[in-house]
Amino acid sequence: MEQIEMNVGQAIKMCRTRRGVSQTELAQRSDCSVSYLSMLENNKRDPTLSTLTRIAHGLSVPVGILFFLAAEREELGGMDRELAGELARTALELLSEPVDDQLPFV
């Protein structure tokens, strides 16, 4: 089976910076170390699904957003390139809005 390459680290960092959250704060929220989070963001480690879910929770974003932002162009199948770009821009704009802690996101 072919392994799919995703840039999860870049997606985590992009969401974290959009949210205005430091690595230290996200590590605390996600119950992981700062050094591990740094390694994830630099694609030196691959997170488990449970770790990625905790990180998404710490960022107050759906884990699906992390997967979408991490996907390489080839992984989006036949999705129109313009549509994929618009979806990514919209997701990033939403990350700049205040977080409503009452809404489920994971």
PDB file of N, CA and C in Angstrom:
ATOM      1  N   MET A   1       0.846  -1.175   0.000  1.00  0.00           N
ATOM      2  CA  MET A   1       0.000   0.000   0.000  1.00  0.00           C
ATOM      3  C   MET A   1       0.897   1.245   0.000  1.00  0.00           C
ATOM      4  N   GLU A   2       0.528   2.227  -0.809  1.00  0.00           N
ATOM      5  CA  GLU A   2       1.295   3.463  -0.927  1.00  0.00           C
ATOM      6  C   GLU A   2       1.051   4.350   0.287  1.00  0.00           C
ATOM      7  N   GLN A   3       2.138   4.903   0.831  1.00  0.00           N
ATOM      8  CA  GLN A   3       2.011   5.806   1.980  1.00  0.00           C
ATOM      9  C   GLN A   3       1.719   7.215   1.475  1.00  0.00           C
ATOM     10  N   ILE A   4       0.753   7.859   2.110  1.00  0.00           N
ATOM     11  CA  ILE A   4       0.373   9.216   1.722  1.00  0.00           C
ATOM     12  C   ILE A   4       1.171  10.201   2.555  1.00  0.00           C
ATOM     13  N   GLU A   5       1.801  11.140   1.890  1.00  0.00           N
ATOM     14  CA  GLU A   5       2.571  12.175   2.572  1.00  0.00           C
ATOM     15  C   GLU A   5       1.689  13.390   2.821  1.00  0.00           C
ATOM     16  N   MET A   6       1.584  13.767   4.050  1.00  0.00           N
ATOM     17  CA  MET A   6       0.826  14.964   4.402  1.00  0.00           C
ATOM     18  C   MET A   6       1.744  15.863   5.215  1.00  0.00           C
ATOM     19  N   ASN A   7       1.562  17.137   5.094  1.00  0.00           N
ATOM     20  CA  ASN A   7       2.363  18.074   5.862  1.00  0.00           C
ATOM     21  C   ASN A   7       1.570  18.513   7.083  1.00  0.00           C
ATOM     22  N   VAL A   8       1.410  17.574   8.008  1.00  0.00           N
ATOM     23  CA  VAL A   8       0.639  17.822   9.220  1.00  0.00           C
ATOM     24  C   VAL A   8       1.311  18.888  10.073  1.00  0.00           C
ATOM     25  N   GLY A   9       2.630  18.851  10.145  1.00  0.00           N
ATOM     26  CA  GLY A   9       3.356  19.828  10.956  1.00  0.00           C
ATOM     27  C   GLY A   9       3.100  21.247  10.513  1.00  0.00           C
ATOM     28  N   GLN A  10       3.118  21.467   9.211  1.00  0.00           N
ATOM     29  CA  GLN A  10       2.859  22.804   8.669  1.00  0.00           C
ATOM     30  C   GLN A  10       1.426  23.227   8.982  1.00  0.00           C
ATOM     31  N   ALA A  11       0.482  22.284   8.887  1.00  0.00           N
ATOM     32  CA  ALA A  11      -0.917  22.605   9.192  1.00  0.00           C
ATOM     33  C   ALA A  11      -1.090  22.980  10.660  1.00  0.00           C
ATOM     34  N   ILE A  12      -0.428  22.247  11.549  1.00  0.00           N
ATOM     35  CA  ILE A  12      -0.499  22.559  12.983  1.00  0.00           C
ATOM     36  C   ILE A  12       0.052  23.958  13.238  1.00  0.00           C
ATOM     37  N   LYS A  13       1.230  24.226  12.683  1.00  0.00           N
ATOM     38  CA  LYS A  13       1.864  25.531  12.903  1.00  0.00           C
ATOM     39  C   LYS A  13       1.022  26.664  12.334  1.00  0.00           C
ATOM     40  N   MET A  14       0.460  26.453  11.141  1.00  0.00           N
ATOM     41  CA  MET A  14      -0.363  27.477  10.511  1.00  0.00           C
ATOM     42  C   MET A  14      -1.582  27.785  11.394  1.00  0.00           C
ATOM     43  N   CYS A  15      -2.239  26.747  11.874  1.00  0.00           N
ATOM     44  CA  CYS A  15      -3.417  26.944  12.733  1.00  0.00           C
ATOM     45  C   CYS A  15      -3.025  27.583  14.060  1.00  0.00           C
ATOM     46  N   ARG A  16      -1.915  27.144  14.620  1.00  0.00           N
ATOM     47  CA  ARG A  16      -1.463  27.677  15.907  1.00  0.00           C
ATOM     48  C   ARG A  16      -1.157  29.170  15.807  1.00  0.00           C
ATOM     49  N   THR A  17      -0.451  29.559  14.748  1.00  0.00           N
ATOM     50  CA  THR A  17      -0.106  30.972  14.616  1.00  0.00           C
ATOM     51  C   THR A  17      -1.342  31.808  14.298  1.00  0.00           C
ATOM     52  N   ARG A  18      -2.267  31.268  13.509  1.00  0.00           N
ATOM     53  CA  ARG A  18      -3.520  31.983  13.235  1.00  0.00           C
ATOM     54  C   ARG A  18      -4.325  32.193  14.508  1.00  0.00           C
ATOM     55  N   ARG A  19      -4.265  31.237  15.402  1.00  0.00           N
ATOM     56  CA  ARG A  19      -4.990  31.329  16.667  1.00  0.00           C
ATOM     57  C   ARG A  19      -4.243  32.214  17.677  1.00  0.00           C
ATOM     58  N   GLY A  20      -2.981  32.537  17.374  1.00  0.00           N
ATOM     59  CA  GLY A  20      -2.201  33.367  18.292  1.00  0.00           C
ATOM     60  C   GLY A  20      -1.798  32.615  19.548  1.00  0.00           C
ATOM     61  N   VAL A  21      -1.525  31.332  19.384  1.00  0.00           N
ATOM     62  CA  VAL A  21      -1.183  30.455  20.510  1.00  0.00           C
ATOM     63  C   VAL A  21       0.300  30.096  20.423  1.00  0.00           C
ATOM     64  N   SER A  22       0.998  30.178  21.536  1.00  0.00           N
ATOM     65  CA  SER A  22       2.415  29.799  21.556  1.00  0.00           C
ATOM     66  C   SER A  22       2.539  28.274  21.564  1.00  0.00           C
ATOM     67  N   GLN A  23       3.723  27.790  21.228  1.00  0.00           N
ATOM     68  CA  GLN A  23       3.967  26.349  21.310  1.00  0.00           C
ATOM     69  C   GLN A  23       3.772  25.856  22.739  1.00  0.00           C
ATOM     70  N   THR A  24       4.235  26.635  23.700  1.00  0.00           N
ATOM     71  CA  THR A  24       4.106  26.245  25.103  1.00  0.00           C
ATOM     72  C   THR A  24       2.644  26.096  25.501  1.00  0.00           C
ATOM     73  N   GLU A  25       1.834  27.074  25.117  1.00  0.00           N
ATOM     74  CA  GLU A  25       0.412  27.022  25.459  1.00  0.00           C
ATOM     75  C   GLU A  25      -0.283  25.849  24.775  1.00  0.00           C
ATOM     76  N   LEU A  26       0.005  25.625  23.501  1.00  0.00           N
ATOM     77  CA  LEU A  26      -0.621  24.512  22.797  1.00  0.00           C
ATOM     78  C   LEU A  26      -0.162  23.174  23.370  1.00  0.00           C
ATOM     79  N   ALA A  27       1.103  23.076  23.720  1.00  0.00           N
ATOM     80  CA  ALA A  27       1.599  21.837  24.319  1.00  0.00           C
ATOM     81  C   ALA A  27       0.853  21.535  25.621  1.00  0.00           C
ATOM     82  N   GLN A  28       0.648  22.558  26.445  1.00  0.00           N
ATOM     83  CA  GLN A  28      -0.097  22.370  27.685  1.00  0.00           C
ATOM     84  C   GLN A  28      -1.530  21.945  27.406  1.00  0.00           C
ATOM     85  N   ARG A  29      -2.179  22.608  26.467  1.00  0.00           N
ATOM     86  CA  ARG A  29      -3.569  22.282  26.117  1.00  0.00           C
ATOM     87  C   ARG A  29      -3.701  20.876  25.542  1.00  0.00           C
ATOM     88  N   SER A  30      -2.645  20.413  24.866  1.00  0.00           N
ATOM     89  CA  SER A  30      -2.684  19.137  24.153  1.00  0.00           C
ATOM     90  C   SER A  30      -2.063  17.992  24.926  1.00  0.00           C
ATOM     91  N   ASP A  31      -1.576  18.290  26.128  1.00  0.00           N
ATOM     92  CA  ASP A  31      -0.946  17.277  26.973  1.00  0.00           C
ATOM     93  C   ASP A  31       0.238  16.603  26.272  1.00  0.00           C
ATOM     94  N   CYS A  32       1.123  17.453  25.722  1.00  0.00           N
ATOM     95  CA  CYS A  32       2.363  16.950  25.140  1.00  0.00           C
ATOM     96  C   CYS A  32       3.474  17.941  25.479  1.00  0.00           C
ATOM     97  N   SER A  33       4.701  17.554  25.229  1.00  0.00           N
ATOM     98  CA  SER A  33       5.811  18.450  25.543  1.00  0.00           C
ATOM     99  C   SER A  33       6.016  19.466  24.424  1.00  0.00           C
ATOM    100  N   VAL A  34       6.637  20.578  24.772  1.00  0.00           N
ATOM    101  CA  VAL A  34       6.954  21.607  23.783  1.00  0.00           C
ATOM    102  C   VAL A  34       7.914  21.043  22.746  1.00  0.00           C
ATOM    103  N   SER A  35       8.883  20.253  23.187  1.00  0.00           N
ATOM    104  CA  SER A  35       9.854  19.700  22.233  1.00  0.00           C
ATOM    105  C   SER A  35       9.174  18.750  21.249  1.00  0.00           C
ATOM    106  N   TYR A  36       8.219  17.955  21.724  1.00  0.00           N
ATOM    107  CA  TYR A  36       7.485  17.057  20.822  1.00  0.00           C
ATOM    108  C   TYR A  36       6.655  17.867  19.829  1.00  0.00           C
ATOM    109  N   LEU A  37       5.975  18.896  20.297  1.00  0.00           N
ATOM    110  CA  LEU A  37       5.183  19.748  19.413  1.00  0.00           C
ATOM    111  C   LEU A  37       6.087  20.401  18.370  1.00  0.00           C
ATOM    112  N   SER A  38       7.246  20.857  18.783  1.00  0.00           N
ATOM    113  CA  SER A  38       8.204  21.452  17.852  1.00  0.00           C
ATOM    114  C   SER A  38       8.630  20.436  16.795  1.00  0.00           C
ATOM    115  N   MET A  39       8.883  19.202  17.219  1.00  0.00           N
ATOM    116  CA  MET A  39       9.264  18.159  16.259  1.00  0.00           C
ATOM    117  C   MET A  39       8.119  17.879  15.289  1.00  0.00           C
ATOM    118  N   LEU A  40       6.881  17.905  15.774  1.00  0.00           N
ATOM    119  CA  LEU A  40       5.731  17.713  14.885  1.00  0.00           C
ATOM    120  C   LEU A  40       5.665  18.830  13.853  1.00  0.00           C
ATOM    121  N   GLU A  41       5.786  20.069  14.323  1.00  0.00           N
ATOM    122  CA  GLU A  41       5.697  21.221  13.422  1.00  0.00           C
ATOM    123  C   GLU A  41       6.818  21.227  12.383  1.00  0.00           C
ATOM    124  N   ASN A  42       7.944  20.613  12.717  1.00  0.00           N
ATOM    125  CA  ASN A  42       9.072  20.540  11.787  1.00  0.00           C
ATOM    126  C   ASN A  42       9.103  19.219  11.026  1.00  0.00           C
ATOM    127  N   ASN A  43       7.984  18.477  11.103  1.00  0.00           N
ATOM    128  CA  ASN A  43       7.827  17.191  10.408  1.00  0.00           C
ATOM    129  C   ASN A  43       8.939  16.195  10.723  1.00  0.00           C
ATOM    130  N   LYS A  44       9.395  16.217  11.981  1.00  0.00           N
ATOM    131  CA  LYS A  44      10.399  15.250  12.421  1.00  0.00           C
ATOM    132  C   LYS A  44       9.753  14.087  13.165  1.00  0.00           C
ATOM    133  N   ARG A  45       8.474  14.190  13.416  1.00  0.00           N
ATOM    134  CA  ARG A  45       7.682  13.122  14.036  1.00  0.00           C
ATOM    135  C   ARG A  45       6.316  13.093  13.375  1.00  0.00           C
ATOM    136  N   ASP A  46       5.699  11.919  13.389  1.00  0.00           N
ATOM    137  CA  ASP A  46       4.336  11.755  12.887  1.00  0.00           C
ATOM    138  C   ASP A  46       3.427  11.520  14.080  1.00  0.00           C
ATOM    139  N   PRO A  47       2.427  12.369  14.253  1.00  0.00           N
ATOM    140  CA  PRO A  47       1.544  12.201  15.413  1.00  0.00           C
ATOM    141  C   PRO A  47       0.567  11.050  15.222  1.00  0.00           C
ATOM    142  N   THR A  48       0.157  10.464  16.323  1.00  0.00           N
ATOM    143  CA  THR A  48      -0.922   9.486  16.272  1.00  0.00           C
ATOM    144  C   THR A  48      -2.223  10.251  16.083  1.00  0.00           C
ATOM    145  N   LEU A  49      -3.266   9.542  15.743  1.00  0.00           N
ATOM    146  CA  LEU A  49      -4.561  10.192  15.577  1.00  0.00           C
ATOM    147  C   LEU A  49      -5.030  10.787  16.899  1.00  0.00           C
ATOM    148  N   SER A  50      -4.785  10.099  18.002  1.00  0.00           N
ATOM    149  CA  SER A  50      -5.219  10.643  19.295  1.00  0.00           C
ATOM    150  C   SER A  50      -4.453  11.916  19.640  1.00  0.00           C
ATOM    151  N   THR A  51      -3.168  11.968  19.318  1.00  0.00           N
ATOM    152  CA  THR A  51      -2.386  13.188  19.561  1.00  0.00           C
ATOM    153  C   THR A  51      -2.885  14.321  18.670  1.00  0.00           C
ATOM    154  N   LEU A  52      -3.132  14.011  17.416  1.00  0.00           N
ATOM    155  CA  LEU A  52      -3.622  15.034  16.496  1.00  0.00           C
ATOM    156  C   LEU A  52      -4.996  15.542  16.936  1.00  0.00           C
ATOM    157  N   THR A  53      -5.807  14.660  17.468  1.00  0.00           N
ATOM    158  CA  THR A  53      -7.123  15.057  17.971  1.00  0.00           C
ATOM    159  C   THR A  53      -6.978  15.979  19.176  1.00  0.00           C
ATOM    160  N   ARG A  54      -6.038  15.669  20.075  1.00  0.00           N
ATOM    161  CA  ARG A  54      -5.799  16.550  21.232  1.00  0.00           C
ATOM    162  C   ARG A  54      -5.280  17.910  20.785  1.00  0.00           C
ATOM    163  N   ILE A  55      -4.420  17.928  19.789  1.00  0.00           N
ATOM    164  CA  ILE A  55      -3.895  19.199  19.266  1.00  0.00           C
ATOM    165  C   ILE A  55      -5.022  20.014  18.636  1.00  0.00           C
ATOM    166  N   ALA A  56      -5.860  19.357  17.838  1.00  0.00           N
ATOM    167  CA  ALA A  56      -7.001  20.051  17.228  1.00  0.00           C
ATOM    168  C   ALA A  56      -7.901  20.622  18.315  1.00  0.00           C
ATOM    169  N   HIS A  57      -8.135  19.855  19.352  1.00  0.00           N
ATOM    170  CA  HIS A  57      -8.950  20.323  20.481  1.00  0.00           C
ATOM    171  C   HIS A  57      -8.285  21.534  21.134  1.00  0.00           C
ATOM    172  N   GLY A  58      -6.968  21.472  21.323  1.00  0.00           N
ATOM    173  CA  GLY A  58      -6.225  22.580  21.911  1.00  0.00           C
ATOM    174  C   GLY A  58      -6.271  23.838  21.064  1.00  0.00           C
ATOM    175  N   LEU A  59      -6.436  23.653  19.758  1.00  0.00           N
ATOM    176  CA  LEU A  59      -6.528  24.787  18.830  1.00  0.00           C
ATOM    177  C   LEU A  59      -7.975  25.219  18.590  1.00  0.00           C
ATOM    178  N   SER A  60      -8.921  24.458  19.108  1.00  0.00           N
ATOM    179  CA  SER A  60     -10.352  24.708  18.874  1.00  0.00           C
ATOM    180  C   SER A  60     -10.684  24.694  17.389  1.00  0.00           C
ATOM    181  N   VAL A  61     -10.156  23.678  16.694  1.00  0.00           N
ATOM    182  CA  VAL A  61     -10.477  23.476  15.278  1.00  0.00           C
ATOM    183  C   VAL A  61     -10.859  22.015  15.070  1.00  0.00           C
ATOM    184  N   PRO A  62     -11.711  21.752  14.100  1.00  0.00           N
ATOM    185  CA  PRO A  62     -12.011  20.348  13.784  1.00  0.00           C
ATOM    186  C   PRO A  62     -10.758  19.652  13.268  1.00  0.00           C
ATOM    187  N   VAL A  63     -10.553  18.421  13.669  1.00  0.00           N
ATOM    188  CA  VAL A  63      -9.378  17.684  13.218  1.00  0.00           C
ATOM    189  C   VAL A  63      -9.386  17.562  11.694  1.00  0.00           C
ATOM    190  N   GLY A  64     -10.556  17.561  11.089  1.00  0.00           N
ATOM    191  CA  GLY A  64     -10.650  17.506   9.632  1.00  0.00           C
ATOM    192  C   GLY A  64     -10.009  18.700   8.951  1.00  0.00           C
ATOM    193  N   ILE A  65     -10.055  19.855   9.602  1.00  0.00           N
ATOM    194  CA  ILE A  65      -9.395  21.054   9.054  1.00  0.00           C
ATOM    195  C   ILE A  65      -7.888  20.821   8.998  1.00  0.00           C
ATOM    196  N   LEU A  66      -7.334  20.227  10.047  1.00  0.00           N
ATOM    197  CA  LEU A  66      -5.889  19.931  10.030  1.00  0.00           C
ATOM    198  C   LEU A  66      -5.554  18.983   8.881  1.00  0.00           C
ATOM    199  N   PHE A  67      -6.381  17.940   8.706  1.00  0.00           N
ATOM    200  CA  PHE A  67      -6.137  17.001   7.613  1.00  0.00           C
ATOM    201  C   PHE A  67      -6.246  17.689   6.251  1.00  0.00           C
ATOM    202  N   PHE A  68      -7.255  18.523   6.088  1.00  0.00           N
ATOM    203  CA  PHE A  68      -7.428  19.213   4.804  1.00  0.00           C
ATOM    204  C   PHE A  68      -6.246  20.140   4.522  1.00  0.00           C
ATOM    205  N   LEU A  69      -5.863  20.936   5.515  1.00  0.00           N
ATOM    206  CA  LEU A  69      -4.746  21.866   5.318  1.00  0.00           C
ATOM    207  C   LEU A  69      -3.425  21.129   5.112  1.00  0.00           C
ATOM    208  N   ALA A  70      -3.327  19.915   5.624  1.00  0.00           N
ATOM    209  CA  ALA A  70      -2.095  19.134   5.498  1.00  0.00           C
ATOM    210  C   ALA A  70      -2.007  18.375   4.175  1.00  0.00           C
ATOM    211  N   ALA A  71      -3.117  18.246   3.490  1.00  0.00           N
ATOM    212  CA  ALA A  71      -3.154  17.425   2.280  1.00  0.00           C
ATOM    213  C   ALA A  71      -2.330  18.034   1.154  1.00  0.00           C
ATOM    214  N   GLU A  72      -1.621  17.175   0.463  1.00  0.00           N
ATOM    215  CA  GLU A  72      -0.898  17.581  -0.737  1.00  0.00           C
ATOM    216  C   GLU A  72      -1.896  17.620  -1.894  1.00  0.00           C
ATOM    217  N   ARG A  73      -1.584  18.343  -2.919  1.00  0.00           N
ATOM    218  CA  ARG A  73      -2.490  18.524  -4.058  1.00  0.00           C
ATOM    219  C   ARG A  73      -2.972  17.189  -4.619  1.00  0.00           C
ATOM    220  N   GLU A  74      -2.065  16.216  -4.739  1.00  0.00           N
ATOM    221  CA  GLU A  74      -2.417  14.916  -5.308  1.00  0.00           C
ATOM    222  C   GLU A  74      -3.433  14.182  -4.435  1.00  0.00           C
ATOM    223  N   GLU A  75      -3.429  14.452  -3.154  1.00  0.00           N
ATOM    224  CA  GLU A  75      -4.321  13.772  -2.218  1.00  0.00           C
ATOM    225  C   GLU A  75      -5.752  14.291  -2.289  1.00  0.00           C
ATOM    226  N   LEU A  76      -5.942  15.404  -2.935  1.00  0.00           N
ATOM    227  CA  LEU A  76      -7.278  15.989  -3.044  1.00  0.00           C
ATOM    228  C   LEU A  76      -8.049  15.413  -4.220  1.00  0.00           C
ATOM    229  N   GLY A  77      -7.470  14.410  -4.865  1.00  0.00           N
ATOM    230  CA  GLY A  77      -8.156  13.737  -5.956  1.00  0.00           C
ATOM    231  C   GLY A  77      -8.475  14.678  -7.091  1.00  0.00           C
ATOM    232  N   GLY A  78      -9.686  14.618  -7.558  1.00  0.00           N
ATOM    233  CA  GLY A  78     -10.095  15.426  -8.682  1.00  0.00           C
ATOM    234  C   GLY A  78     -10.622  16.793  -8.301  1.00  0.00           C
ATOM    235  N   MET A  79     -10.413  17.206  -7.040  1.00  0.00           N
ATOM    236  CA  MET A  79     -10.931  18.503  -6.611  1.00  0.00           C
ATOM    237  C   MET A  79     -10.280  19.617  -7.413  1.00  0.00           C
ATOM    238  N   ASP A  80     -11.099  20.511  -7.885  1.00  0.00           N
ATOM    239  CA  ASP A  80     -10.629  21.667  -8.625  1.00  0.00           C
ATOM    240  C   ASP A  80      -9.630  22.450  -7.775  1.00  0.00           C
ATOM    241  N   ARG A  81      -8.525  22.819  -8.378  1.00  0.00           N
ATOM    242  CA  ARG A  81      -7.461  23.530  -7.663  1.00  0.00           C
ATOM    243  C   ARG A  81      -7.948  24.851  -7.072  1.00  0.00           C
ATOM    244  N   GLU A  82      -8.759  25.562  -7.830  1.00  0.00           N
ATOM    245  CA  GLU A  82      -9.290  26.838  -7.362  1.00  0.00           C
ATOM    246  C   GLU A  82     -10.212  26.633  -6.155  1.00  0.00           C
ATOM    247  N   LEU A  83     -11.039  25.593  -6.210  1.00  0.00           N
ATOM    248  CA  LEU A  83     -11.933  25.284  -5.099  1.00  0.00           C
ATOM    249  C   LEU A  83     -11.131  24.909  -3.856  1.00  0.00           C
ATOM    250  N   ALA A  84     -10.109  24.087  -4.020  1.00  0.00           N
ATOM    251  CA  ALA A  84      -9.265  23.701  -2.891  1.00  0.00           C
ATOM    252  C   ALA A  84      -8.613  24.925  -2.256  1.00  0.00           C
ATOM    253  N   GLY A  85      -8.133  25.848  -3.079  1.00  0.00           N
ATOM    254  CA  GLY A  85      -7.520  27.070  -2.561  1.00  0.00           C
ATOM    255  C   GLY A  85      -8.528  27.925  -1.811  1.00  0.00           C
ATOM    256  N   GLU A  86      -9.726  28.031  -2.350  1.00  0.00           N
ATOM    257  CA  GLU A  86     -10.771  28.824  -1.696  1.00  0.00           C
ATOM    258  C   GLU A  86     -11.180  28.201  -0.360  1.00  0.00           C
ATOM    259  N   LEU A  87     -11.286  26.880  -0.319  1.00  0.00           N
ATOM    260  CA  LEU A  87     -11.612  26.197   0.936  1.00  0.00           C
ATOM    261  C   LEU A  87     -10.524  26.418   1.984  1.00  0.00           C
ATOM    262  N   ALA A  88      -9.273  26.343   1.568  1.00  0.00           N
ATOM    263  CA  ALA A  88      -8.161  26.570   2.494  1.00  0.00           C
ATOM    264  C   ALA A  88      -8.169  28.003   3.015  1.00  0.00           C
ATOM    265  N   ARG A  89      -8.389  28.976   2.123  1.00  0.00           N
ATOM    266  CA  ARG A  89      -8.446  30.380   2.553  1.00  0.00           C
ATOM    267  C   ARG A  89      -9.589  30.607   3.536  1.00  0.00           C
ATOM    268  N   THR A  90     -10.739  30.020   3.260  1.00  0.00           N
ATOM    269  CA  THR A  90     -11.894  30.163   4.145  1.00  0.00           C
ATOM    270  C   THR A  90     -11.605  29.546   5.509  1.00  0.00           C
ATOM    271  N   ALA A  91     -10.999  28.368   5.519  1.00  0.00           N
ATOM    272  CA  ALA A  91     -10.655  27.723   6.786  1.00  0.00           C
ATOM    273  C   ALA A  91      -9.708  28.596   7.592  1.00  0.00           C
ATOM    274  N   LEU A  92      -8.712  29.172   6.941  1.00  0.00           N
ATOM    275  CA  LEU A  92      -7.753  30.021   7.642  1.00  0.00           C
ATOM    276  C   LEU A  92      -8.401  31.307   8.148  1.00  0.00           C
ATOM    277  N   GLU A  93      -9.333  31.859   7.385  1.00  0.00           N
ATOM    278  CA  GLU A  93     -10.055  33.047   7.848  1.00  0.00           C
ATOM    279  C   GLU A  93     -10.864  32.726   9.104  1.00  0.00           C
ATOM    280  N   LEU A  94     -11.483  31.557   9.117  1.00  0.00           N
ATOM    281  CA  LEU A  94     -12.273  31.148  10.288  1.00  0.00           C
ATOM    282  C   LEU A  94     -11.398  30.989  11.532  1.00  0.00           C
ATOM    283  N   LEU A  95     -10.146  30.617  11.321  1.00  0.00           N
ATOM    284  CA  LEU A  95      -9.232  30.456  12.453  1.00  0.00           C
ATOM    285  C   LEU A  95      -8.892  31.793  13.094  1.00  0.00           C
ATOM    286  N   SER A  96      -9.102  32.872  12.373  1.00  0.00           N
ATOM    287  CA  SER A  96      -8.808  34.193  12.916  1.00  0.00           C
ATOM    288  C   SER A  96      -9.957  34.763  13.731  1.00  0.00           C
ATOM    289  N   GLU A  97     -11.113  34.087  13.692  1.00  0.00           N
ATOM    290  CA  GLU A  97     -12.279  34.551  14.433  1.00  0.00           C
ATOM    291  C   GLU A  97     -12.212  34.078  15.877  1.00  0.00           C
ATOM    292  N   PRO A  98     -12.900  34.777  16.794  1.00  0.00           N
ATOM    293  CA  PRO A  98     -12.924  34.354  18.193  1.00  0.00           C
ATOM    294  C   PRO A  98     -13.500  32.954  18.327  1.00  0.00           C
ATOM    295  N   VAL A  99     -13.011  32.228  19.312  1.00  0.00           N
ATOM    296  CA  VAL A  99     -13.434  30.855  19.544  1.00  0.00           C
ATOM    297  C   VAL A  99     -14.659  30.848  20.440  1.00  0.00           C
ATOM    298  N   ASP A 100     -15.683  30.108  20.037  1.00  0.00           N
ATOM    299  CA  ASP A 100     -16.875  29.898  20.861  1.00  0.00           C
ATOM    300  C   ASP A 100     -16.721  28.546  21.526  1.00  0.00           C
ATOM    301  N   ASP A 101     -16.358  28.537  22.803  1.00  0.00           N
ATOM    302  CA  ASP A 101     -16.090  27.299  23.524  1.00  0.00           C
ATOM    303  C   ASP A 101     -17.321  26.405  23.670  1.00  0.00           C
ATOM    304  N   GLN A 102     -18.482  26.906  23.337  1.00  0.00           N
ATOM    305  CA  GLN A 102     -19.696  26.130  23.477  1.00  0.00           C
ATOM    306  C   GLN A 102     -19.940  25.219  22.276  1.00  0.00           C
ATOM    307  N   LEU A 103     -19.236  25.464  21.150  1.00  0.00           N
ATOM    308  CA  LEU A 103     -19.461  24.682  19.958  1.00  0.00           C
ATOM    309  C   LEU A 103     -18.569  23.446  19.943  1.00  0.00           C
ATOM    310  N   PRO A 104     -19.112  22.284  19.548  1.00  0.00           N
ATOM    311  CA  PRO A 104     -18.250  21.103  19.399  1.00  0.00           C
ATOM    312  C   PRO A 104     -17.379  21.278  18.177  1.00  0.00           C
ATOM    313  N   PHE A 105     -16.134  20.819  18.244  1.00  0.00           N
ATOM    314  CA  PHE A 105     -15.239  20.983  17.107  1.00  0.00           C
ATOM    315  C   PHE A 105     -14.438  19.746  16.809  1.00  0.00           C
ATOM    316  N   VAL A 106     -14.529  18.715  17.604  1.00  0.00           N
ATOM    317  CA  VAL A 106     -13.763  17.489  17.335  1.00  0.00           C
ATOM    318  C   VAL A 106     -14.691  16.313  17.402  1.00  0.00           C
TER     319      VAL A 106
END
